[in-house]
Amino acid sequence: MRSERLDQKTVLIIVLILLICVMSFINYMKISEFVDIKTNIKLVENEIKEYKENIEAYSDINKDIEQLQQQSDKLKKLIPDQREEDGILECIAVAGEYAGVNVKGVSFGQDEKSWKYMQTNIIVNVDCSYKSLVDYIHLLEKSDRMIKVESIDITRGESGYLKGEMSLKAYYSTSAQ
């Protein structure tokens, strides 16, 4: 009887050992799956981080494109594709009004080829004070159109004002032609 009990105990111990081994194996499998899941989560997190960086880079590129478009629009306004005498006259008149210059007359001369631009020769007759003339020149240089002051011939008028003839050049592009 004792030997039977011993055999039963032995069998019970073996069964318990087997059960522990099976449970350990099952836990090992779960842990290895958990490790695989953690590894996959890290990989996905890294991909998400990479996508976010790419999105930021694309966003920066879009901002750069917008800035370049704005600069291009400004350049097209400075040097348009056509002569646009009305635009030139407006710049001359507005600058004269702000500077306090009396613009007596404007005449357009022949256009000349200058590198890849065309330049329009302009003669402007003015009456003004010296300070107004200086302000007028600065305003012309800062105008919406690229206008270059080539020369100024001035004489003192009867009432102390200056009478002047200004030679200007305005530019337009030949790339559209």
N, C-alpha and C. Protein backbone atom coordinates (compact mmCIF):
# COMPACT_ATOMS: atom_id res chain seq x y z
N MET A 1 0.79 -1.17 0.00
CA MET A 1 0.00 0.00 0.00
C MET A 1 0.86 1.27 0.00
N ARG A 2 1.91 1.12 0.69
CA ARG A 2 2.77 2.25 0.76
C ARG A 2 3.42 2.52 -0.58
N SER A 3 3.75 1.53 -1.22
CA SER A 3 4.36 1.70 -2.51
C SER A 3 3.35 2.26 -3.51
N GLU A 4 2.08 1.91 -3.34
CA GLU A 4 1.05 2.48 -4.21
C GLU A 4 0.89 3.97 -3.93
N ARG A 5 0.95 4.30 -2.67
CA ARG A 5 0.84 5.72 -2.32
C ARG A 5 2.03 6.48 -2.87
N LEU A 6 3.15 5.82 -2.77
CA LEU A 6 4.35 6.45 -3.28
C LEU A 6 4.24 6.62 -4.79
N ASP A 7 3.71 5.62 -5.43
CA ASP A 7 3.53 5.72 -6.87
C ASP A 7 2.53 6.81 -7.23
N GLN A 8 1.49 6.91 -6.42
CA GLN A 8 0.48 7.94 -6.66
C GLN A 8 1.10 9.33 -6.45
N LYS A 9 1.90 9.43 -5.42
CA LYS A 9 2.56 10.71 -5.16
C LYS A 9 3.52 11.04 -6.30
N THR A 10 4.22 10.04 -6.76
CA THR A 10 5.16 10.25 -7.85
C THR A 10 4.43 10.68 -9.11
N VAL A 11 3.34 9.99 -9.38
CA VAL A 11 2.55 10.34 -10.57
C VAL A 11 2.00 11.75 -10.40
N LEU A 12 1.52 12.07 -9.21
CA LEU A 12 0.98 13.40 -8.95
C LEU A 12 2.07 14.46 -9.11
N ILE A 13 3.25 14.18 -8.64
CA ILE A 13 4.36 15.13 -8.78
C ILE A 13 4.72 15.28 -10.25
N ILE A 14 4.75 14.19 -10.98
CA ILE A 14 5.06 14.26 -12.41
C ILE A 14 4.00 15.06 -13.14
N VAL A 15 2.74 14.80 -12.80
CA VAL A 15 1.65 15.55 -13.43
C VAL A 15 1.78 17.04 -13.10
N LEU A 16 2.08 17.32 -11.83
CA LEU A 16 2.24 18.73 -11.43
C LEU A 16 3.42 19.37 -12.18
N ILE A 17 4.51 18.64 -12.30
CA ILE A 17 5.67 19.15 -13.03
C ILE A 17 5.31 19.40 -14.49
N LEU A 18 4.57 18.43 -15.06
CA LEU A 18 4.14 18.62 -16.45
C LEU A 18 3.21 19.82 -16.58
N LEU A 19 2.30 19.95 -15.64
CA LEU A 19 1.37 21.08 -15.65
C LEU A 19 2.14 22.40 -15.53
N ILE A 20 3.13 22.42 -14.65
CA ILE A 20 3.94 23.63 -14.50
C ILE A 20 4.70 23.91 -15.79
N CYS A 21 5.24 22.90 -16.42
CA CYS A 21 5.96 23.07 -17.69
C CYS A 21 5.03 23.61 -18.77
N VAL A 22 3.83 23.03 -18.86
CA VAL A 22 2.87 23.48 -19.87
C VAL A 22 2.48 24.94 -19.59
N MET A 23 2.21 25.24 -18.33
CA MET A 23 1.83 26.62 -17.99
C MET A 23 2.98 27.59 -18.27
N SER A 24 4.19 27.16 -17.96
CA SER A 24 5.37 27.99 -18.24
C SER A 24 5.52 28.22 -19.74
N PHE A 25 5.33 27.17 -20.51
CA PHE A 25 5.42 27.30 -21.96
C PHE A 25 4.36 28.28 -22.49
N ILE A 26 3.13 28.13 -21.96
CA ILE A 26 2.04 29.04 -22.38
C ILE A 26 2.39 30.48 -22.01
N ASN A 27 2.89 30.69 -20.80
CA ASN A 27 3.29 32.04 -20.39
C ASN A 27 4.43 32.56 -21.25
N TYR A 28 5.39 31.68 -21.56
CA TYR A 28 6.49 32.08 -22.42
C TYR A 28 5.97 32.54 -23.79
N MET A 29 5.01 31.79 -24.32
CA MET A 29 4.44 32.16 -25.62
C MET A 29 3.74 33.51 -25.52
N LYS A 30 3.00 33.71 -24.44
CA LYS A 30 2.31 35.00 -24.26
C LYS A 30 3.32 36.12 -24.13
N ILE A 31 4.38 35.88 -23.37
CA ILE A 31 5.41 36.91 -23.19
C ILE A 31 6.09 37.21 -24.51
N SER A 32 6.40 36.17 -25.27
CA SER A 32 7.05 36.40 -26.57
C SER A 32 6.11 37.15 -27.51
N GLU A 33 4.80 36.84 -27.45
CA GLU A 33 3.83 37.60 -28.25
C GLU A 33 3.80 39.05 -27.78
N PHE A 34 3.86 39.24 -26.47
CA PHE A 34 3.85 40.59 -25.90
C PHE A 34 5.08 41.36 -26.37
N VAL A 35 6.23 40.70 -26.35
CA VAL A 35 7.47 41.33 -26.83
C VAL A 35 7.33 41.67 -28.31
N ASP A 36 6.77 40.75 -29.09
CA ASP A 36 6.55 41.02 -30.52
C ASP A 36 5.61 42.19 -30.70
N ILE A 37 4.57 42.25 -29.89
CA ILE A 37 3.61 43.36 -29.98
C ILE A 37 4.30 44.66 -29.62
N LYS A 38 5.12 44.65 -28.55
CA LYS A 38 5.85 45.87 -28.16
C LYS A 38 6.79 46.30 -29.28
N THR A 39 7.45 45.33 -29.90
CA THR A 39 8.35 45.65 -31.01
C THR A 39 7.56 46.26 -32.17
N ASN A 40 6.42 45.67 -32.48
CA ASN A 40 5.57 46.20 -33.55
C ASN A 40 5.06 47.60 -33.21
N ILE A 41 4.70 47.80 -31.95
CA ILE A 41 4.24 49.13 -31.53
C ILE A 41 5.37 50.14 -31.71
N LYS A 42 6.59 49.81 -31.35
CA LYS A 42 7.73 50.71 -31.54
C LYS A 42 7.93 51.02 -33.02
N LEU A 43 7.83 49.99 -33.86
CA LEU A 43 7.99 50.21 -35.30
C LEU A 43 6.91 51.15 -35.83
N VAL A 44 5.67 50.94 -35.39
CA VAL A 44 4.57 51.79 -35.84
C VAL A 44 4.76 53.21 -35.31
N GLU A 45 5.20 53.35 -34.06
CA GLU A 45 5.45 54.69 -33.51
C GLU A 45 6.55 55.40 -34.30
N ASN A 46 7.59 54.66 -34.68
CA ASN A 46 8.66 55.26 -35.49
C ASN A 46 8.14 55.68 -36.87
N GLU A 47 7.29 54.86 -37.47
CA GLU A 47 6.71 55.22 -38.77
C GLU A 47 5.84 56.46 -38.64
N ILE A 48 5.06 56.53 -37.56
CA ILE A 48 4.21 57.71 -37.34
C ILE A 48 5.08 58.95 -37.18
N LYS A 49 6.16 58.83 -36.42
CA LYS A 49 7.08 59.95 -36.23
C LYS A 49 7.66 60.40 -37.57
N GLU A 50 8.03 59.42 -38.39
CA GLU A 50 8.58 59.72 -39.71
C GLU A 50 7.54 60.42 -40.59
N TYR A 51 6.29 59.93 -40.54
CA TYR A 51 5.23 60.57 -41.32
C TYR A 51 5.01 62.01 -40.85
N LYS A 52 5.03 62.23 -39.54
CA LYS A 52 4.86 63.59 -39.02
C LYS A 52 5.98 64.50 -39.51
N GLU A 53 7.22 63.98 -39.49
CA GLU A 53 8.34 64.78 -39.99
C GLU A 53 8.18 65.09 -41.47
N ASN A 54 7.72 64.11 -42.24
CA ASN A 54 7.48 64.34 -43.67
C ASN A 54 6.39 65.36 -43.89
N ILE A 55 5.33 65.29 -43.08
CA ILE A 55 4.24 66.26 -43.20
C ILE A 55 4.76 67.65 -42.89
N GLU A 56 5.59 67.78 -41.84
CA GLU A 56 6.17 69.09 -41.52
C GLU A 56 7.05 69.59 -42.65
N ALA A 57 7.84 68.68 -43.22
CA ALA A 57 8.70 69.07 -44.34
C ALA A 57 7.86 69.52 -45.53
N TYR A 58 6.78 68.79 -45.84
CA TYR A 58 5.91 69.19 -46.94
C TYR A 58 5.23 70.52 -46.65
N SER A 59 4.87 70.73 -45.40
CA SER A 59 4.26 71.99 -45.00
C SER A 59 5.24 73.14 -45.21
N ASP A 60 6.51 72.92 -44.82
CA ASP A 60 7.54 73.94 -45.03
C ASP A 60 7.74 74.20 -46.52
N ILE A 61 7.71 73.14 -47.32
CA ILE A 61 7.86 73.30 -48.77
C ILE A 61 6.70 74.12 -49.33
N ASN A 62 5.48 73.83 -48.85
CA ASN A 62 4.32 74.60 -49.31
C ASN A 62 4.45 76.07 -48.93
N LYS A 63 4.95 76.34 -47.73
CA LYS A 63 5.16 77.74 -47.32
C LYS A 63 6.19 78.40 -48.22
N ASP A 64 7.28 77.67 -48.53
CA ASP A 64 8.30 78.21 -49.43
C ASP A 64 7.72 78.49 -50.81
N ILE A 65 6.89 77.59 -51.29
CA ILE A 65 6.26 77.79 -52.61
C ILE A 65 5.38 79.03 -52.58
N GLU A 66 4.61 79.21 -51.50
CA GLU A 66 3.75 80.39 -51.38
C GLU A 66 4.59 81.66 -51.37
N GLN A 67 5.72 81.65 -50.62
CA GLN A 67 6.58 82.83 -50.58
C GLN A 67 7.19 83.11 -51.95
N LEU A 68 7.62 82.06 -52.63
CA LEU A 68 8.17 82.25 -53.97
C LEU A 68 7.12 82.80 -54.93
N GLN A 69 5.88 82.33 -54.78
CA GLN A 69 4.80 82.84 -55.63
C GLN A 69 4.56 84.31 -55.36
N GLN A 70 4.57 84.70 -54.08
CA GLN A 70 4.39 86.10 -53.72
C GLN A 70 5.52 86.95 -54.28
N GLN A 71 6.76 86.45 -54.18
CA GLN A 71 7.90 87.19 -54.74
C GLN A 71 7.78 87.30 -56.25
N SER A 72 7.34 86.23 -56.88
CA SER A 72 7.15 86.25 -58.32
C SER A 72 6.09 87.27 -58.71
N ASP A 73 5.00 87.32 -57.94
CA ASP A 73 3.94 88.30 -58.21
C ASP A 73 4.47 89.72 -58.06
N LYS A 74 5.31 89.95 -57.04
CA LYS A 74 5.89 91.28 -56.84
C LYS A 74 6.79 91.65 -58.02
N LEU A 75 7.59 90.68 -58.47
CA LEU A 75 8.47 90.94 -59.61
C LEU A 75 7.67 91.22 -60.88
N LYS A 76 6.57 90.49 -61.06
CA LYS A 76 5.73 90.73 -62.24
C LYS A 76 5.11 92.12 -62.18
N LYS A 77 4.87 92.60 -60.97
CA LYS A 77 4.32 93.95 -60.84
C LYS A 77 5.43 94.98 -61.08
N LEU A 78 6.63 94.70 -60.59
CA LEU A 78 7.76 95.60 -60.81
C LEU A 78 8.13 95.67 -62.28
N ILE A 79 8.18 94.51 -62.91
CA ILE A 79 8.55 94.42 -64.33
C ILE A 79 7.47 93.59 -65.03
N PRO A 80 6.40 94.24 -65.44
CA PRO A 80 5.29 93.50 -66.06
C PRO A 80 5.65 93.00 -67.46
N ASP A 81 4.74 92.25 -68.04
CA ASP A 81 4.96 91.67 -69.36
C ASP A 81 4.67 92.64 -70.51
N GLN A 82 4.10 93.79 -70.18
CA GLN A 82 3.77 94.78 -71.21
C GLN A 82 4.20 96.17 -70.74
N ARG A 83 4.23 97.10 -71.67
CA ARG A 83 4.68 98.46 -71.36
C ARG A 83 3.76 99.14 -70.35
N GLU A 84 2.48 99.02 -70.48
CA GLU A 84 1.48 99.55 -69.55
C GLU A 84 1.71 101.03 -69.18
N GLU A 85 1.53 101.89 -70.15
CA GLU A 85 1.74 103.33 -69.92
C GLU A 85 0.84 103.85 -68.80
N ASP A 86 -0.38 103.34 -68.71
CA ASP A 86 -1.29 103.81 -67.66
C ASP A 86 -0.71 103.53 -66.28
N GLY A 87 -0.11 102.36 -66.09
CA GLY A 87 0.50 102.03 -64.80
C GLY A 87 1.69 102.92 -64.49
N ILE A 88 2.48 103.22 -65.51
CA ILE A 88 3.63 104.11 -65.33
C ILE A 88 3.15 105.51 -64.98
N LEU A 89 2.15 106.01 -65.71
CA LEU A 89 1.61 107.34 -65.42
C LEU A 89 1.04 107.42 -64.01
N GLU A 90 0.39 106.34 -63.58
CA GLU A 90 -0.17 106.32 -62.22
C GLU A 90 0.94 106.42 -61.18
N CYS A 91 2.02 105.67 -61.37
CA CYS A 91 3.15 105.74 -60.43
C CYS A 91 3.74 107.15 -60.38
N ILE A 92 3.89 107.76 -61.56
CA ILE A 92 4.45 109.11 -61.63
C ILE A 92 3.53 110.11 -60.94
N ALA A 93 2.23 110.00 -61.19
CA ALA A 93 1.26 110.94 -60.62
C ALA A 93 1.12 110.76 -59.11
N VAL A 94 1.01 109.53 -58.66
CA VAL A 94 0.84 109.27 -57.21
C VAL A 94 2.07 109.74 -56.44
N ALA A 95 3.26 109.43 -56.95
CA ALA A 95 4.49 109.87 -56.29
C ALA A 95 4.55 111.40 -56.24
N GLY A 96 4.15 112.03 -57.34
CA GLY A 96 4.14 113.49 -57.38
C GLY A 96 3.17 114.08 -56.36
N GLU A 97 2.00 113.47 -56.25
CA GLU A 97 0.99 113.96 -55.30
C GLU A 97 1.50 113.83 -53.86
N TYR A 98 2.07 112.69 -53.52
CA TYR A 98 2.56 112.47 -52.15
C TYR A 98 3.76 113.36 -51.82
N ALA A 99 4.62 113.61 -52.79
CA ALA A 99 5.82 114.41 -52.55
C ALA A 99 5.56 115.90 -52.66
N GLY A 100 4.41 116.29 -53.17
CA GLY A 100 4.13 117.72 -53.36
C GLY A 100 4.78 118.29 -54.59
N VAL A 101 4.95 117.47 -55.62
CA VAL A 101 5.56 117.88 -56.88
C VAL A 101 4.45 118.13 -57.89
N ASN A 102 4.55 119.23 -58.59
CA ASN A 102 3.60 119.55 -59.64
C ASN A 102 4.14 118.96 -60.95
N VAL A 103 3.52 117.87 -61.38
CA VAL A 103 3.95 117.22 -62.63
C VAL A 103 3.28 117.97 -63.77
N LYS A 104 4.10 118.66 -64.58
CA LYS A 104 3.60 119.50 -65.67
C LYS A 104 3.34 118.72 -66.95
N GLY A 105 4.12 117.68 -67.16
CA GLY A 105 3.94 116.91 -68.39
C GLY A 105 4.75 115.63 -68.37
N VAL A 106 4.26 114.64 -69.11
CA VAL A 106 4.94 113.36 -69.22
C VAL A 106 4.93 112.97 -70.69
N SER A 107 6.09 112.58 -71.21
CA SER A 107 6.13 112.10 -72.58
C SER A 107 6.95 110.80 -72.64
N PHE A 108 6.48 109.90 -73.48
CA PHE A 108 7.14 108.62 -73.64
C PHE A 108 7.97 108.63 -74.92
N GLY A 109 9.21 108.15 -74.81
CA GLY A 109 10.09 108.05 -75.97
C GLY A 109 10.11 106.63 -76.50
N GLN A 110 11.13 106.36 -77.28
CA GLN A 110 11.29 105.04 -77.88
C GLN A 110 11.68 104.00 -76.81
N ASP A 111 11.22 102.79 -77.04
CA ASP A 111 11.63 101.68 -76.18
C ASP A 111 12.96 101.14 -76.69
N GLU A 112 13.79 100.67 -75.75
CA GLU A 112 15.08 100.10 -76.10
C GLU A 112 15.22 98.74 -75.45
N LYS A 113 15.93 97.85 -76.13
CA LYS A 113 16.21 96.53 -75.58
C LYS A 113 17.35 96.67 -74.57
N SER A 114 17.15 96.12 -73.38
CA SER A 114 18.18 96.13 -72.35
C SER A 114 18.25 94.74 -71.75
N TRP A 115 19.24 93.99 -72.17
CA TRP A 115 19.43 92.60 -71.75
C TRP A 115 18.17 91.82 -72.09
N LYS A 116 17.43 91.30 -71.11
CA LYS A 116 16.21 90.58 -71.47
C LYS A 116 14.96 91.41 -71.18
N TYR A 117 15.15 92.68 -70.90
CA TYR A 117 14.03 93.57 -70.64
C TYR A 117 13.98 94.66 -71.69
N MET A 118 12.80 95.24 -71.80
CA MET A 118 12.65 96.43 -72.62
C MET A 118 12.59 97.61 -71.67
N GLN A 119 13.22 98.70 -72.05
CA GLN A 119 13.15 99.90 -71.22
C GLN A 119 12.44 101.00 -71.99
N THR A 120 11.51 101.61 -71.28
CA THR A 120 10.74 102.71 -71.84
C THR A 120 11.35 104.02 -71.36
N ASN A 121 11.70 104.88 -72.32
CA ASN A 121 12.25 106.20 -71.96
C ASN A 121 11.11 107.16 -71.70
N ILE A 122 11.22 107.90 -70.59
CA ILE A 122 10.15 108.80 -70.17
C ILE A 122 10.78 110.14 -69.79
N ILE A 123 10.14 111.22 -70.22
CA ILE A 123 10.54 112.56 -69.81
C ILE A 123 9.40 113.14 -68.97
N VAL A 124 9.74 113.62 -67.76
CA VAL A 124 8.74 114.20 -66.85
C VAL A 124 9.17 115.62 -66.54
N ASN A 125 8.27 116.59 -66.77
CA ASN A 125 8.51 117.99 -66.44
C ASN A 125 7.84 118.30 -65.10
N VAL A 126 8.61 118.91 -64.18
CA VAL A 126 8.10 119.15 -62.83
C VAL A 126 8.39 120.57 -62.36
N ASP A 127 7.57 121.05 -61.43
CA ASP A 127 7.80 122.27 -60.65
C ASP A 127 7.70 121.86 -59.19
N CYS A 128 8.72 122.21 -58.38
CA CYS A 128 8.69 121.78 -56.99
C CYS A 128 9.80 122.43 -56.18
N SER A 129 9.76 122.20 -54.88
CA SER A 129 10.87 122.61 -54.02
C SER A 129 11.94 121.53 -54.06
N TYR A 130 13.11 121.87 -53.53
CA TYR A 130 14.19 120.90 -53.52
C TYR A 130 13.80 119.67 -52.70
N LYS A 131 13.23 119.88 -51.51
CA LYS A 131 12.83 118.77 -50.65
C LYS A 131 11.78 117.89 -51.34
N SER A 132 10.82 118.54 -52.01
CA SER A 132 9.79 117.77 -52.72
C SER A 132 10.41 116.93 -53.83
N LEU A 133 11.41 117.49 -54.51
CA LEU A 133 12.08 116.75 -55.58
C LEU A 133 12.80 115.52 -55.03
N VAL A 134 13.49 115.69 -53.90
CA VAL A 134 14.18 114.56 -53.28
C VAL A 134 13.17 113.50 -52.86
N ASP A 135 12.07 113.93 -52.23
CA ASP A 135 11.02 112.98 -51.83
C ASP A 135 10.43 112.27 -53.05
N TYR A 136 10.24 113.02 -54.11
CA TYR A 136 9.67 112.47 -55.35
C TYR A 136 10.57 111.37 -55.92
N ILE A 137 11.87 111.64 -55.93
CA ILE A 137 12.82 110.64 -56.45
C ILE A 137 12.75 109.36 -55.60
N HIS A 138 12.72 109.52 -54.29
CA HIS A 138 12.64 108.34 -53.40
C HIS A 138 11.34 107.57 -53.63
N LEU A 139 10.24 108.27 -53.80
CA LEU A 139 8.96 107.61 -54.03
C LEU A 139 8.94 106.88 -55.37
N LEU A 140 9.53 107.49 -56.38
CA LEU A 140 9.60 106.81 -57.68
C LEU A 140 10.41 105.52 -57.57
N GLU A 141 11.51 105.58 -56.83
CA GLU A 141 12.35 104.40 -56.68
C GLU A 141 11.66 103.30 -55.89
N LYS A 142 10.72 103.68 -55.02
CA LYS A 142 10.00 102.69 -54.21
C LYS A 142 8.64 102.32 -54.81
N SER A 143 8.33 102.80 -55.97
CA SER A 143 7.00 102.59 -56.55
C SER A 143 6.76 101.13 -56.93
N ASP A 144 5.52 100.84 -57.29
CA ASP A 144 5.13 99.48 -57.67
C ASP A 144 5.80 99.02 -58.96
N ARG A 145 6.25 99.95 -59.76
CA ARG A 145 6.95 99.65 -61.00
C ARG A 145 8.43 99.93 -60.83
N MET A 146 9.26 99.22 -61.58
CA MET A 146 10.68 99.53 -61.54
C MET A 146 10.91 100.75 -62.42
N ILE A 147 11.17 101.86 -61.74
CA ILE A 147 11.42 103.13 -62.44
C ILE A 147 12.79 103.63 -62.00
N LYS A 148 13.63 103.91 -62.97
CA LYS A 148 14.99 104.38 -62.69
C LYS A 148 15.10 105.84 -63.12
N VAL A 149 15.64 106.66 -62.23
CA VAL A 149 15.87 108.07 -62.55
C VAL A 149 17.24 108.14 -63.23
N GLU A 150 17.23 108.49 -64.50
CA GLU A 150 18.48 108.55 -65.28
C GLU A 150 19.19 109.88 -65.09
N SER A 151 18.43 111.00 -65.21
CA SER A 151 19.04 112.33 -65.08
C SER A 151 17.98 113.35 -64.70
N ILE A 152 18.47 114.46 -64.16
CA ILE A 152 17.58 115.56 -63.78
C ILE A 152 18.27 116.86 -64.21
N ASP A 153 17.56 117.66 -64.99
CA ASP A 153 18.03 119.01 -65.34
C ASP A 153 17.11 119.98 -64.63
N ILE A 154 17.68 120.79 -63.71
CA ILE A 154 16.83 121.72 -62.96
C ILE A 154 17.35 123.14 -63.10
N THR A 155 16.40 124.05 -63.04
CA THR A 155 16.71 125.49 -63.01
C THR A 155 15.80 126.13 -61.98
N ARG A 156 16.24 127.26 -61.45
CA ARG A 156 15.41 127.96 -60.47
C ARG A 156 14.36 128.75 -61.24
N GLY A 157 13.11 128.55 -60.83
CA GLY A 157 12.00 129.24 -61.48
C GLY A 157 11.82 130.64 -60.90
N GLU A 158 10.83 131.35 -61.41
CA GLU A 158 10.59 132.74 -61.01
C GLU A 158 10.14 132.86 -59.56
N SER A 159 9.36 131.92 -59.08
CA SER A 159 8.82 132.03 -57.73
C SER A 159 9.67 131.29 -56.69
N GLY A 160 10.90 130.94 -57.03
CA GLY A 160 11.77 130.25 -56.10
C GLY A 160 11.69 128.74 -56.20
N TYR A 161 10.68 128.29 -56.92
CA TYR A 161 10.57 126.85 -57.12
C TYR A 161 11.58 126.39 -58.16
N LEU A 162 11.81 125.11 -58.16
CA LEU A 162 12.68 124.52 -59.18
C LEU A 162 11.83 124.05 -60.34
N LYS A 163 12.33 124.29 -61.54
CA LYS A 163 11.71 123.72 -62.73
C LYS A 163 12.67 122.65 -63.21
N GLY A 164 12.12 121.50 -63.48
CA GLY A 164 13.02 120.42 -63.85
C GLY A 164 12.48 119.52 -64.93
N GLU A 165 13.42 118.89 -65.60
CA GLU A 165 13.08 117.86 -66.57
C GLU A 165 13.82 116.61 -66.13
N MET A 166 13.03 115.57 -65.87
CA MET A 166 13.60 114.32 -65.40
C MET A 166 13.55 113.28 -66.51
N SER A 167 14.65 112.58 -66.67
CA SER A 167 14.69 111.48 -67.62
C SER A 167 14.59 110.19 -66.81
N LEU A 168 13.53 109.41 -67.08
CA LEU A 168 13.28 108.17 -66.35
C LEU A 168 13.30 106.99 -67.31
N LYS A 169 13.46 105.82 -66.75
CA LYS A 169 13.32 104.58 -67.50
C LYS A 169 12.43 103.65 -66.69
N ALA A 170 11.45 103.05 -67.37
CA ALA A 170 10.61 102.01 -66.77
C ALA A 170 10.84 100.75 -67.59
N TYR A 171 10.67 99.61 -66.96
CA TYR A 171 11.03 98.35 -67.61
C TYR A 171 9.82 97.43 -67.74
N TYR A 172 9.85 96.61 -68.79
CA TYR A 172 8.88 95.52 -68.92
C TYR A 172 9.59 94.33 -69.54
N SER A 173 9.04 93.18 -69.32
CA SER A 173 9.68 91.93 -69.71
C SER A 173 9.42 91.63 -71.18
N THR A 174 10.39 90.99 -71.79
CA THR A 174 10.21 90.54 -73.17
C THR A 174 9.94 89.05 -73.22
N SER A 175 9.88 88.40 -72.06
CA SER A 175 9.70 86.94 -72.04
C SER A 175 8.33 86.51 -72.51
N ALA A 176 7.32 87.37 -72.38
CA ALA A 176 5.97 87.01 -72.80
C ALA A 176 5.76 87.21 -74.29
N GLN A 177 6.71 87.88 -74.93
CA GLN A 177 6.52 88.20 -76.35
C GLN A 177 7.06 87.12 -77.25
